[in-house]
Amino acid sequence: QVTLVESGGGLVQAGDSLTLSCVAAERIFGSKHLGWFRQAPGKAREFVAAIDWSGRPTFYTEYSDSVKGRFTISRDNEKLTAYLQMDNLEPTDTATYYCAAAISRRGSWQRIRQESTFDYWGPGTQVTVSS
């Protein structure tokens, strides 16, 4: 069982930066793709960013169009931690942010934007951006 716990959320102003962290309580963290999703009030949960597990030669990443160029996903397998650096935040980024982990199955990276690809989820952390 992989347990994920997010932290780093909070209330910020538009244009500010925030870094979310996701710590895994399982040593096999390193063999899983990691992703961030978010859910705004009254809306469906949506894909934000993902990073692959292998890092060979570098980590592949994917971003939604709405955050590309503003958010950066990274991971530290030794620390069992994934990060989401969020810059130039906008009020539309207000949501609960969830960390998720996906077993590296055949084709899973090609489906990385889908919730169903992910096997484990954290409880979420709230990010509120005021205008």
Foldseek 3Di string as FASTA:
>chain_A
DKAKAKDWADEEAAQAKTKMKIAIPDLCLLQWKKFKWWDDPPGDIFGAKIWHRPVVVHIDMDGDPVQPPFWDWDDDSVRRMIMIIGGRDDQVVWTWMKMFIAHPDVCLVVVVRDPVRTDDIYPTDTHGYHD
